[in-house]
Amino acid sequence: HSPFILTVEAGPGTVSLHLAGDLDYATSDELVQHADHCLTTR
């Protein structure tokens, strides 16, 4: 199992979420939460 690493890079009108490792049952909620945070705060 590869650890899941998510980094965020933001610019005007754009956010990039850089995904590394395994996106699976154990890590998918983290991605959704980060994306939701970007959508609600930007």
Full PDB file with SEQRES, HELIX, SHEET, SSBOND, CRYST1, ORIGX, SCALE, CONECT and MASTER records, all heavy atoms in Angstrom:
SEQRES   1 A   42  HIS SER PRO PHE ILE LEU THR VAL GLU ALA GLY PRO GLY          
SEQRES   2 A   42  THR VAL SER LEU HIS LEU ALA GLY ASP LEU ASP TYR ALA          
SEQRES   3 A   42  THR SER ASP GLU LEU VAL GLN HIS ALA ASP HIS CYS LEU          
SEQRES   4 A   42  THR THR ARG                                                  
HELIX    1 AA1 SER A   28  THR A   41  1                                  14    
SHEET    1 AA1 2 ILE A   5  GLY A  11  0                                        
SHEET    2 AA1 2 THR A  14  ALA A  20 -1                                        
CRYST1    1.000    1.000    1.000  90.00  90.00  90.00 P 1           1          
ORIGX1      1.000000  0.000000  0.000000        0.00000                         
ORIGX2      0.000000  1.000000  0.000000        0.00000                         
ORIGX3      0.000000  0.000000  1.000000        0.00000                         
SCALE1      1.000000  0.000000  0.000000        0.00000                         
SCALE2      0.000000  1.000000  0.000000        0.00000                         
SCALE3      0.000000  0.000000  1.000000        0.00000                         
ATOM      1  N   HIS A   1       0.845  -1.189   0.000  1.00  0.00           N  
ATOM      2  CA  HIS A   1       0.000   0.000   0.000  1.00  0.00           C  
ATOM      3  C   HIS A   1       0.883   1.242   0.000  1.00  0.00           C  
ATOM      4  O   HIS A   1       1.767   1.383   0.835  1.00  0.00           O  
ATOM      5  CB  HIS A   1      -0.908  -0.014   1.239  1.00  0.00           C  
ATOM      6  CG  HIS A   1      -1.928   1.067   1.239  1.00  0.00           C  
ATOM      7  ND1 HIS A   1      -1.692   2.302   1.765  1.00  0.00           N  
ATOM      8  CD2 HIS A   1      -3.196   1.104   0.774  1.00  0.00           C  
ATOM      9  CE1 HIS A   1      -2.766   3.053   1.632  1.00  0.00           C  
ATOM     10  NE2 HIS A   1      -3.693   2.334   1.036  1.00  0.00           N  
ATOM     11  N   SER A   2       0.670   2.149  -0.952  1.00  0.00           N  
ATOM     12  CA  SER A   2       1.393   3.418  -0.991  1.00  0.00           C  
ATOM     13  C   SER A   2       0.624   4.431  -0.167  1.00  0.00           C  
ATOM     14  O   SER A   2      -0.600   4.519  -0.280  1.00  0.00           O  
ATOM     15  CB  SER A   2       1.500   3.946  -2.421  1.00  0.00           C  
ATOM     16  OG  SER A   2       2.204   3.063  -3.233  1.00  0.00           O  
ATOM     17  N   PRO A   3       1.299   5.213   0.642  1.00  0.00           N  
ATOM     18  CA  PRO A   3       0.581   6.238   1.396  1.00  0.00           C  
ATOM     19  C   PRO A   3      -0.030   7.259   0.434  1.00  0.00           C  
ATOM     20  O   PRO A   3       0.483   7.460  -0.665  1.00  0.00           O  
ATOM     21  CB  PRO A   3       1.657   6.881   2.266  1.00  0.00           C  
ATOM     22  CG  PRO A   3       2.950   6.559   1.602  1.00  0.00           C  
ATOM     23  CD  PRO A   3       2.742   5.269   0.859  1.00  0.00           C  
ATOM     24  N   PHE A   4      -1.121   7.849   0.847  1.00  0.00           N  
ATOM     25  CA  PHE A   4      -1.783   8.868   0.029  1.00  0.00           C  
ATOM     26  C   PHE A   4      -1.290  10.225   0.495  1.00  0.00           C  
ATOM     27  O   PHE A   4      -1.357  10.556   1.676  1.00  0.00           O  
ATOM     28  CB  PHE A   4      -3.302   8.763   0.178  1.00  0.00           C  
ATOM     29  CG  PHE A   4      -4.059   9.746  -0.682  1.00  0.00           C  
ATOM     30  CD1 PHE A   4      -4.076   9.605  -2.056  1.00  0.00           C  
ATOM     31  CD2 PHE A   4      -4.762  10.790  -0.110  1.00  0.00           C  
ATOM     32  CE1 PHE A   4      -4.782  10.494  -2.853  1.00  0.00           C  
ATOM     33  CE2 PHE A   4      -5.472  11.672  -0.890  1.00  0.00           C  
ATOM     34  CZ  PHE A   4      -5.484  11.527  -2.265  1.00  0.00           C  
ATOM     35  N   ILE A   5      -0.790  11.002  -0.450  1.00  0.00           N  
ATOM     36  CA  ILE A   5      -0.300  12.345  -0.150  1.00  0.00           C  
ATOM     37  C   ILE A   5      -1.051  13.317  -1.043  1.00  0.00           C  
ATOM     38  O   ILE A   5      -1.134  13.115  -2.259  1.00  0.00           O  
ATOM     39  CB  ILE A   5       1.216  12.448  -0.394  1.00  0.00           C  
ATOM     40  CG1 ILE A   5       1.962  11.449   0.488  1.00  0.00           C  
ATOM     41  CG2 ILE A   5       1.702  13.874  -0.134  1.00  0.00           C  
ATOM     42  CD1 ILE A   5       3.408  11.256   0.108  1.00  0.00           C  
ATOM     43  N   LEU A   6      -1.610  14.344  -0.442  1.00  0.00           N  
ATOM     44  CA  LEU A   6      -2.362  15.351  -1.170  1.00  0.00           C  
ATOM     45  C   LEU A   6      -1.758  16.709  -0.862  1.00  0.00           C  
ATOM     46  O   LEU A   6      -1.653  17.078   0.304  1.00  0.00           O  
ATOM     47  CB  LEU A   6      -3.830  15.293  -0.749  1.00  0.00           C  
ATOM     48  CG  LEU A   6      -4.803  16.090  -1.587  1.00  0.00           C  
ATOM     49  CD1 LEU A   6      -6.166  15.430  -1.562  1.00  0.00           C  
ATOM     50  CD2 LEU A   6      -4.918  17.516  -1.124  1.00  0.00           C  
ATOM     51  N   THR A   7      -1.340  17.427  -1.891  1.00  0.00           N  
ATOM     52  CA  THR A   7      -0.837  18.783  -1.704  1.00  0.00           C  
ATOM     53  C   THR A   7      -1.708  19.732  -2.512  1.00  0.00           C  
ATOM     54  O   THR A   7      -2.285  19.351  -3.535  1.00  0.00           O  
ATOM     55  CB  THR A   7       0.645  18.922  -2.122  1.00  0.00           C  
ATOM     56  OG1 THR A   7       0.781  18.491  -3.476  1.00  0.00           O  
ATOM     57  CG2 THR A   7       1.540  18.082  -1.233  1.00  0.00           C  
ATOM     58  N   VAL A   8      -1.798  20.960  -2.029  1.00  0.00           N  
ATOM     59  CA  VAL A   8      -2.687  21.949  -2.627  1.00  0.00           C  
ATOM     60  C   VAL A   8      -1.859  23.115  -3.160  1.00  0.00           C  
ATOM     61  O   VAL A   8      -0.954  23.597  -2.486  1.00  0.00           O  
ATOM     62  CB  VAL A   8      -3.696  22.475  -1.580  1.00  0.00           C  
ATOM     63  CG1 VAL A   8      -4.624  23.518  -2.189  1.00  0.00           C  
ATOM     64  CG2 VAL A   8      -4.485  21.333  -0.973  1.00  0.00           C  
ATOM     65  N   GLU A   9      -2.203  23.537  -4.361  1.00  0.00           N  
ATOM     66  CA  GLU A   9      -1.583  24.709  -4.975  1.00  0.00           C  
ATOM     67  C   GLU A   9      -2.722  25.588  -5.482  1.00  0.00           C  
ATOM     68  O   GLU A   9      -3.565  25.126  -6.255  1.00  0.00           O  
ATOM     69  CB  GLU A   9      -0.686  24.265  -6.126  1.00  0.00           C  
ATOM     70  CG  GLU A   9       0.065  25.365  -6.797  1.00  0.00           C  
ATOM     71  CD  GLU A   9       0.920  24.838  -7.938  1.00  0.00           C  
ATOM     72  OE1 GLU A   9       1.247  23.641  -7.962  1.00  0.00           O  
ATOM     73  OE2 GLU A   9       1.242  25.646  -8.820  1.00  0.00           O  
ATOM     74  N   ALA A  10      -2.767  26.836  -5.018  1.00  0.00           N  
ATOM     75  CA  ALA A  10      -3.871  27.726  -5.378  1.00  0.00           C  
ATOM     76  C   ALA A  10      -3.357  28.931  -6.148  1.00  0.00           C  
ATOM     77  O   ALA A  10      -2.263  29.433  -5.896  1.00  0.00           O  
ATOM     78  CB  ALA A  10      -4.603  28.183  -4.125  1.00  0.00           C  
ATOM     79  N   GLY A  11      -4.170  29.371  -7.086  1.00  0.00           N  
ATOM     80  CA  GLY A  11      -3.901  30.575  -7.855  1.00  0.00           C  
ATOM     81  C   GLY A  11      -5.216  31.297  -8.084  1.00  0.00           C  
ATOM     82  O   GLY A  11      -6.262  30.838  -7.629  1.00  0.00           O  
ATOM     83  N   PRO A  12      -5.188  32.398  -8.811  1.00  0.00           N  
ATOM     84  CA  PRO A  12      -6.433  33.130  -9.072  1.00  0.00           C  
ATOM     85  C   PRO A  12      -7.438  32.264  -9.836  1.00  0.00           C  
ATOM     86  O   PRO A  12      -7.167  31.820 -10.947  1.00  0.00           O  
ATOM     87  CB  PRO A  12      -5.983  34.318  -9.931  1.00  0.00           C  
ATOM     88  CG  PRO A  12      -4.507  34.410  -9.742  1.00  0.00           C  
ATOM     89  CD  PRO A  12      -4.022  33.033  -9.399  1.00  0.00           C  
ATOM     90  N   GLY A  13      -8.550  31.975  -9.209  1.00  0.00           N  
ATOM     91  CA  GLY A  13      -9.624  31.217  -9.842  1.00  0.00           C  
ATOM     92  C   GLY A  13      -9.360  29.728 -10.025  1.00  0.00           C  
ATOM     93  O   GLY A  13     -10.187  29.018 -10.567  1.00  0.00           O  
ATOM     94  N   THR A  14      -8.198  29.247  -9.570  1.00  0.00           N  
ATOM     95  CA  THR A  14      -7.823  27.850  -9.781  1.00  0.00           C  
ATOM     96  C   THR A  14      -7.207  27.256  -8.524  1.00  0.00           C  
ATOM     97  O   THR A  14      -6.447  27.916  -7.825  1.00  0.00           O  
ATOM     98  CB  THR A  14      -6.776  27.730 -10.916  1.00  0.00           C  
ATOM     99  OG1 THR A  14      -7.320  28.285 -12.101  1.00  0.00           O  
ATOM    100  CG2 THR A  14      -6.395  26.293 -11.171  1.00  0.00           C  
ATOM    101  N   VAL A  15      -7.558  26.012  -8.271  1.00  0.00           N  
ATOM    102  CA  VAL A  15      -6.889  25.231  -7.225  1.00  0.00           C  
ATOM    103  C   VAL A  15      -6.486  23.909  -7.852  1.00  0.00           C  
ATOM    104  O   VAL A  15      -7.273  23.286  -8.565  1.00  0.00           O  
ATOM    105  CB  VAL A  15      -7.806  24.987  -6.008  1.00  0.00           C  
ATOM    106  CG1 VAL A  15      -7.154  24.011  -5.024  1.00  0.00           C  
ATOM    107  CG2 VAL A  15      -8.134  26.284  -5.304  1.00  0.00           C  
ATOM    108  N   SER A  16      -5.245  23.511  -7.600  1.00  0.00           N  
ATOM    109  CA  SER A  16      -4.750  22.207  -8.055  1.00  0.00           C  
ATOM    110  C   SER A  16      -4.504  21.331  -6.843  1.00  0.00           C  
ATOM    111  O   SER A  16      -3.805  21.740  -5.911  1.00  0.00           O  
ATOM    112  CB  SER A  16      -3.440  22.366  -8.828  1.00  0.00           C  
ATOM    113  OG  SER A  16      -3.661  23.028 -10.034  1.00  0.00           O  
ATOM    114  N   LEU A  17      -5.102  20.157  -6.862  1.00  0.00           N  
ATOM    115  CA  LEU A  17      -4.849  19.158  -5.830  1.00  0.00           C  
ATOM    116  C   LEU A  17      -3.945  18.106  -6.458  1.00  0.00           C  
ATOM    117  O   LEU A  17      -4.330  17.450  -7.434  1.00  0.00           O  
ATOM    118  CB  LEU A  17      -6.157  18.524  -5.360  1.00  0.00           C  
ATOM    119  CG  LEU A  17      -7.208  19.475  -4.779  1.00  0.00           C  
ATOM    120  CD1 LEU A  17      -8.465  18.710  -4.377  1.00  0.00           C  
ATOM    121  CD2 LEU A  17      -6.653  20.243  -3.596  1.00  0.00           C  
ATOM    122  N   HIS A  18      -2.739  17.983  -5.939  1.00  0.00           N  
ATOM    123  CA  HIS A  18      -1.769  17.023  -6.459  1.00  0.00           C  
ATOM    124  C   HIS A  18      -1.904  15.734  -5.652  1.00  0.00           C  
ATOM    125  O   HIS A  18      -1.717  15.735  -4.432  1.00  0.00           O  
ATOM    126  CB  HIS A  18      -0.353  17.592  -6.351  1.00  0.00           C  
ATOM    127  CG  HIS A  18      -0.187  18.878  -7.100  1.00  0.00           C  
ATOM    128  ND1 HIS A  18       0.079  18.921  -8.450  1.00  0.00           N  
ATOM    129  CD2 HIS A  18      -0.286  20.162  -6.687  1.00  0.00           C  
ATOM    130  CE1 HIS A  18       0.154  20.182  -8.833  1.00  0.00           C  
ATOM    131  NE2 HIS A  18      -0.067  20.949  -7.780  1.00  0.00           N  
ATOM    132  N   LEU A  19      -2.236  14.647  -6.337  1.00  0.00           N  
ATOM    133  CA  LEU A  19      -2.498  13.367  -5.688  1.00  0.00           C  
ATOM    134  C   LEU A  19      -1.314  12.435  -5.892  1.00  0.00           C  
ATOM    135  O   LEU A  19      -0.809  12.316  -7.010  1.00  0.00           O  
ATOM    136  CB  LEU A  19      -3.748  12.715  -6.287  1.00  0.00           C  
ATOM    137  CG  LEU A  19      -4.972  13.617  -6.500  1.00  0.00           C  
ATOM    138  CD1 LEU A  19      -6.098  12.817  -7.115  1.00  0.00           C  
ATOM    139  CD2 LEU A  19      -5.395  14.261  -5.212  1.00  0.00           C  
ATOM    140  N   ALA A  20      -0.899  11.770  -4.825  1.00  0.00           N  
ATOM    141  CA  ALA A  20       0.194  10.800  -4.922  1.00  0.00           C  
ATOM    142  C   ALA A  20      -0.146   9.587  -4.064  1.00  0.00           C  
ATOM    143  O   ALA A  20      -0.739   9.719  -2.998  1.00  0.00           O  
ATOM    144  CB  ALA A  20       1.507  11.422  -4.454  1.00  0.00           C  
ATOM    145  N   GLY A  21       0.222   8.410  -4.541  1.00  0.00           N  
ATOM    146  CA  GLY A  21      -0.017   7.175  -3.788  1.00  0.00           C  
ATOM    147  C   GLY A  21      -1.302   6.495  -4.200  1.00  0.00           C  
ATOM    148  O   GLY A  21      -1.683   6.500  -5.361  1.00  0.00           O  
ATOM    149  N   ASP A  22      -1.988   5.918  -3.218  1.00  0.00           N  
ATOM    150  CA  ASP A  22      -3.190   5.121  -3.461  1.00  0.00           C  
ATOM    151  C   ASP A  22      -4.453   5.885  -3.089  1.00  0.00           C  
ATOM    152  O   ASP A  22      -4.609   6.329  -1.953  1.00  0.00           O  
ATOM    153  CB  ASP A  22      -3.155   3.836  -2.633  1.00  0.00           C  
ATOM    154  CG  ASP A  22      -2.047   2.886  -3.056  1.00  0.00           C  
ATOM    155  OD1 ASP A  22      -1.417   3.126  -4.096  1.00  0.00           O  
ATOM    156  OD2 ASP A  22      -1.816   1.902  -2.338  1.00  0.00           O  
ATOM    157  N   LEU A  23      -5.365   6.012  -4.059  1.00  0.00           N  
ATOM    158  CA  LEU A  23      -6.684   6.588  -3.810  1.00  0.00           C  
ATOM    159  C   LEU A  23      -7.644   5.414  -3.682  1.00  0.00           C  
ATOM    160  O   LEU A  23      -7.992   4.765  -4.664  1.00  0.00           O  
ATOM    161  CB  LEU A  23      -7.090   7.513  -4.958  1.00  0.00           C  
ATOM    162  CG  LEU A  23      -8.456   8.188  -4.839  1.00  0.00           C  
ATOM    163  CD1 LEU A  23      -8.543   9.035  -3.577  1.00  0.00           C  
ATOM    164  CD2 LEU A  23      -8.740   9.020  -6.076  1.00  0.00           C  
ATOM    165  N   ASP A  24      -8.042   5.130  -2.438  1.00  0.00           N  
ATOM    166  CA  ASP A  24      -8.837   3.929  -2.191  1.00  0.00           C  
ATOM    167  C   ASP A  24      -9.818   4.157  -1.043  1.00  0.00           C  
ATOM    168  O   ASP A  24     -10.050   5.291  -0.628  1.00  0.00           O  
ATOM    169  CB  ASP A  24      -7.932   2.730  -1.921  1.00  0.00           C  
ATOM    170  CG  ASP A  24      -6.997   2.931  -0.735  1.00  0.00           C  
ATOM    171  OD1 ASP A  24      -7.224   3.848   0.086  1.00  0.00           O  
ATOM    172  OD2 ASP A  24      -6.022   2.165  -0.618  1.00  0.00           O  
ATOM    173  N   TYR A  25     -10.372   3.060  -0.543  1.00  0.00           N  
ATOM    174  CA  TYR A  25     -11.359   3.110   0.531  1.00  0.00           C  
ATOM    175  C   TYR A  25     -10.866   3.925   1.728  1.00  0.00           C  
ATOM    176  O   TYR A  25     -11.607   4.718   2.305  1.00  0.00           O  
ATOM    177  CB  TYR A  25     -11.705   1.684   0.970  1.00  0.00           C  
ATOM    178  CG  TYR A  25     -12.670   1.622   2.127  1.00  0.00           C  
ATOM    179  CD1 TYR A  25     -14.028   1.793   1.898  1.00  0.00           C  
ATOM    180  CD2 TYR A  25     -12.220   1.425   3.422  1.00  0.00           C  
ATOM    181  CE1 TYR A  25     -14.930   1.763   2.950  1.00  0.00           C  
ATOM    182  CE2 TYR A  25     -13.114   1.391   4.475  1.00  0.00           C  
ATOM    183  CZ  TYR A  25     -14.464   1.562   4.238  1.00  0.00           C  
ATOM    184  OH  TYR A  25     -15.346   1.534   5.284  1.00  0.00           O  
ATOM    185  N   ALA A  26      -9.609   3.770   2.071  1.00  0.00           N  
ATOM    186  CA  ALA A  26      -9.054   4.431   3.249  1.00  0.00           C  
ATOM    187  C   ALA A  26      -8.721   5.902   3.026  1.00  0.00           C  
ATOM    188  O   ALA A  26      -8.598   6.653   3.988  1.00  0.00           O  
ATOM    189  CB  ALA A  26      -7.802   3.681   3.719  1.00  0.00           C  
ATOM    190  N   THR A  27      -8.591   6.329   1.767  1.00  0.00           N  
ATOM    191  CA  THR A  27      -8.114   7.692   1.512  1.00  0.00           C  
ATOM    192  C   THR A  27      -9.072   8.576   0.717  1.00  0.00           C  
ATOM    193  O   THR A  27      -8.867   9.783   0.634  1.00  0.00           O  
ATOM    194  CB  THR A  27      -6.770   7.631   0.749  1.00  0.00           C  
ATOM    195  OG1 THR A  27      -6.976   6.969  -0.510  1.00  0.00           O  
ATOM    196  CG2 THR A  27      -5.715   6.894   1.549  1.00  0.00           C  
ATOM    197  N   SER A  28     -10.101   7.996   0.136  1.00  0.00           N  
ATOM    198  CA  SER A  28     -10.981   8.765  -0.747  1.00  0.00           C  
ATOM    199  C   SER A  28     -11.721   9.886  -0.011  1.00  0.00           C  
ATOM    200  O   SER A  28     -11.936  10.960  -0.595  1.00  0.00           O  
ATOM    201  CB  SER A  28     -11.965   7.849  -1.468  1.00  0.00           C  
ATOM    202  OG  SER A  28     -12.744   7.127  -0.553  1.00  0.00           O  
ATOM    203  N   ASP A  29     -12.085   9.670   1.240  1.00  0.00           N  
ATOM    204  CA  ASP A  29     -12.770  10.725   2.005  1.00  0.00           C  
ATOM    205  C   ASP A  29     -11.894  11.969   2.150  1.00  0.00           C  
ATOM    206  O   ASP A  29     -12.385  13.092   2.099  1.00  0.00           O  
ATOM    207  CB  ASP A  29     -13.179  10.234   3.391  1.00  0.00           C  
ATOM    208  CG  ASP A  29     -14.409   9.348   3.361  1.00  0.00           C  
ATOM    209  OD1 ASP A  29     -15.119   9.342   2.336  1.00  0.00           O  
ATOM    210  OD2 ASP A  29     -14.645   8.643   4.366  1.00  0.00           O  
ATOM    211  N   GLU A  30     -10.598  11.758   2.309  1.00  0.00           N  
ATOM    212  CA  GLU A  30      -9.675  12.892   2.437  1.00  0.00           C  
ATOM    213  C   GLU A  30      -9.701  13.759   1.177  1.00  0.00           C  
ATOM    214  O   GLU A  30      -9.743  14.990   1.259  1.00  0.00           O  
ATOM    215  CB  GLU A  30      -8.252  12.383   2.698  1.00  0.00           C  
ATOM    216  CG  GLU A  30      -7.239  13.487   2.851  1.00  0.00           C  
ATOM    217  CD  GLU A  30      -5.825  12.977   3.080  1.00  0.00           C  
ATOM    218  OE1 GLU A  30      -5.629  11.763   3.318  1.00  0.00           O  
ATOM    219  OE2 GLU A  30      -4.899  13.801   3.013  1.00  0.00           O  
ATOM    220  N   LEU A  31      -9.703  13.124   0.018  1.00  0.00           N  
ATOM    221  CA  LEU A  31      -9.757  13.872  -1.238  1.00  0.00           C  
ATOM    222  C   LEU A  31     -11.070  14.644  -1.347  1.00  0.00           C  
ATOM    223  O   LEU A  31     -11.070  15.831  -1.686  1.00  0.00           O  
ATOM    224  CB  LEU A  31      -9.589  12.936  -2.434  1.00  0.00           C  
ATOM    225  CG  LEU A  31      -9.766  13.588  -3.808  1.00  0.00           C  
ATOM    226  CD1 LEU A  31      -8.786  14.726  -4.022  1.00  0.00           C  
ATOM    227  CD2 LEU A  31      -9.653  12.539  -4.902  1.00  0.00           C  
ATOM    228  N   VAL A  32     -12.181  14.000  -1.054  1.00  0.00           N  
ATOM    229  CA  VAL A  32     -13.482  14.665  -1.141  1.00  0.00           C  
ATOM    230  C   VAL A  32     -13.542  15.851  -0.174  1.00  0.00           C  
ATOM    231  O   VAL A  32     -14.023  16.933  -0.528  1.00  0.00           O  
ATOM    232  CB  VAL A  32     -14.637  13.674  -0.870  1.00  0.00           C  
ATOM    233  CG1 VAL A  32     -15.975  14.397  -0.781  1.00  0.00           C  
ATOM    234  CG2 VAL A  32     -14.690  12.611  -1.963  1.00  0.00           C  
ATOM    235  N   GLN A  33     -13.030  15.683   1.032  1.00  0.00           N  
ATOM    236  CA  GLN A  33     -13.033  16.768   2.016  1.00  0.00           C  
ATOM    237  C   GLN A  33     -12.194  17.954   1.539  1.00  0.00           C  
ATOM    238  O   GLN A  33     -12.608  19.110   1.681  1.00  0.00           O  
ATOM    239  CB  GLN A  33     -12.545  16.266   3.368  1.00  0.00           C  
ATOM    240  CG  GLN A  33     -13.525  15.358   4.058  1.00  0.00           C  
ATOM    241  CD  GLN A  33     -12.942  14.692   5.299  1.00  0.00           C  
ATOM    242  OE1 GLN A  33     -11.804  14.945   5.688  1.00  0.00           O  
ATOM    243  NE2 GLN A  33     -13.727  13.820   5.907  1.00  0.00           N  
ATOM    244  N   HIS A  34     -11.019  17.686   0.978  1.00  0.00           N  
ATOM    245  CA  HIS A  34     -10.184  18.773   0.464  1.00  0.00           C  
ATOM    246  C   HIS A  34     -10.880  19.499  -0.686  1.00  0.00           C  
ATOM    247  O   HIS A  34     -10.867  20.732  -0.745  1.00  0.00           O  
ATOM    248  CB  HIS A  34      -8.826  18.241   0.006  1.00  0.00           C  
ATOM    249  CG  HIS A  34      -7.794  18.238   1.072  1.00  0.00           C  
ATOM    250  ND1 HIS A  34      -7.676  17.211   1.973  1.00  0.00           N  
ATOM    251  CD2 HIS A  34      -6.840  19.131   1.381  1.00  0.00           C  
ATOM    252  CE1 HIS A  34      -6.682  17.470   2.795  1.00  0.00           C  
ATOM    253  NE2 HIS A  34      -6.157  18.635   2.455  1.00  0.00           N  
ATOM    254  N   ALA A  35     -11.457  18.744  -1.603  1.00  0.00           N  
ATOM    255  CA  ALA A  35     -12.149  19.356  -2.734  1.00  0.00           C  
ATOM    256  C   ALA A  35     -13.336  20.189  -2.247  1.00  0.00           C  
ATOM    257  O   ALA A  35     -13.535  21.329  -2.696  1.00  0.00           O  
ATOM    258  CB  ALA A  35     -12.624  18.285  -3.710  1.00  0.00           C  
ATOM    259  N   ASP A  36     -14.102  19.650  -1.303  1.00  0.00           N  
ATOM    260  CA  ASP A  36     -15.248  20.374  -0.755  1.00  0.00           C  
ATOM    261  C   ASP A  36     -14.801  21.656  -0.061  1.00  0.00           C  
ATOM    262  O   ASP A  36     -15.422  22.706  -0.214  1.00  0.00           O  
ATOM    263  CB  ASP A  36     -16.021  19.469   0.206  1.00  0.00           C  
ATOM    264  CG  ASP A  36     -17.413  19.981   0.468  1.00  0.00           C  
ATOM    265  OD1 ASP A  36     -18.069  20.457  -0.487  1.00  0.00           O  
ATOM    266  OD2 ASP A  36     -17.856  19.917   1.633  1.00  0.00           O  
ATOM    267  N   HIS A  37     -13.698  21.583   0.669  1.00  0.00           N  
ATOM    268  CA  HIS A  37     -13.150  22.768   1.337  1.00  0.00           C  
ATOM    269  C   HIS A  37     -12.795  23.843   0.301  1.00  0.00           C  
ATOM    270  O   HIS A  37     -13.108  25.026   0.496  1.00  0.00           O  
ATOM    271  CB  HIS A  37     -11.922  22.392   2.169  1.00  0.00           C  
ATOM    272  CG  HIS A  37     -11.281  23.558   2.837  1.00  0.00           C  
ATOM    273  ND1 HIS A  37     -11.817  24.164   3.958  1.00  0.00           N  
ATOM    274  CD2 HIS A  37     -10.147  24.244   2.537  1.00  0.00           C  
ATOM    275  CE1 HIS A  37     -11.048  25.171   4.317  1.00  0.00           C  
ATOM    276  NE2 HIS A  37     -10.022  25.242   3.469  1.00  0.00           N  
ATOM    277  N   CYS A  38     -12.169  23.441  -0.792  1.00  0.00           N  
ATOM    278  CA  CYS A  38     -11.825  24.392  -1.852  1.00  0.00           C  
ATOM    279  C   CYS A  38     -13.077  25.036  -2.435  1.00  0.00           C  
ATOM    280  O   CYS A  38     -13.114  26.245  -2.672  1.00  0.00           O  
ATOM    281  CB  CYS A  38     -11.046  23.693  -2.968  1.00  0.00           C  
ATOM    282  SG  CYS A  38      -9.419  23.099  -2.492  1.00  0.00           S  
ATOM    283  N   LEU A  39     -14.100  24.233  -2.657  1.00  0.00           N  
ATOM    284  CA  LEU A  39     -15.337  24.735  -3.252  1.00  0.00           C  
ATOM    285  C   LEU A  39     -16.084  25.683  -2.317  1.00  0.00           C  
ATOM    286  O   LEU A  39     -16.711  26.639  -2.780  1.00  0.00           O  
ATOM    287  CB  LEU A  39     -16.241  23.574  -3.650  1.00  0.00           C  
ATOM    288  CG  LEU A  39     -15.744  22.731  -4.823  1.00  0.00           C  
ATOM    289  CD1 LEU A  39     -16.542  21.436  -4.923  1.00  0.00           C  
ATOM    290  CD2 LEU A  39     -15.804  23.514  -6.119  1.00  0.00           C  
ATOM    291  N   THR A  40     -16.029  25.433  -1.032  1.00  0.00           N  
ATOM    292  CA  THR A  40     -16.795  26.265  -0.095  1.00  0.00           C  
ATOM    293  C   THR A  40     -16.035  27.507   0.362  1.00  0.00           C  
ATOM    294  O   THR A  40     -16.669  28.484   0.762  1.00  0.00           O  
ATOM    295  CB  THR A  40     -17.242  25.453   1.139  1.00  0.00           C  
ATOM    296  OG1 THR A  40     -16.097  24.897   1.764  1.00  0.00           O  
ATOM    297  CG2 THR A  40     -18.213  24.357   0.746  1.00  0.00           C  
ATOM    298  N   THR A  41     -14.726  27.474   0.294  1.00  0.00           N  
ATOM    299  CA  THR A  41     -13.952  28.626   0.789  1.00  0.00           C  
ATOM    300  C   THR A  41     -13.434  29.533  -0.320  1.00  0.00           C  
ATOM    301  O   THR A  41     -12.887  30.594  -0.030  1.00  0.00           O  
ATOM    302  CB  THR A  41     -12.748  28.169   1.640  1.00  0.00           C  
ATOM    303  OG1 THR A  41     -11.868  27.391   0.831  1.00  0.00           O  
ATOM    304  CG2 THR A  41     -13.208  27.404   2.861  1.00  0.00           C  
ATOM    305  N   ARG A  42     -13.616  29.126  -1.565  1.00  0.00           N  
ATOM    306  CA  ARG A  42     -13.108  29.908  -2.698  1.00  0.00           C  
ATOM    307  C   ARG A  42     -14.251  30.300  -3.629  1.00  0.00           C  
ATOM    308  O   ARG A  42     -14.499  29.636  -4.633  1.00  0.00           O  
ATOM    309  CB  ARG A  42     -12.067  29.103  -3.481  1.00  0.00           C  
ATOM    310  CG  ARG A  42     -10.795  28.743  -2.763  1.00  0.00           C  
ATOM    311  CD  ARG A  42      -9.829  29.920  -2.680  1.00  0.00           C  
ATOM    312  NE  ARG A  42      -9.586  30.556  -3.953  1.00  0.00           N  
ATOM    313  CZ  ARG A  42      -8.567  30.304  -4.756  1.00  0.00           C  
ATOM    314  NH1 ARG A  42      -7.673  29.405  -4.413  1.00  0.00           N  
ATOM    315  NH2 ARG A  42      -8.436  30.937  -5.901  1.00  0.00           N  
TER     316      ARG A  42                                                      
MASTER        0    0    0    1    2    0    0    6  315    1    0    4          
END                                                                             
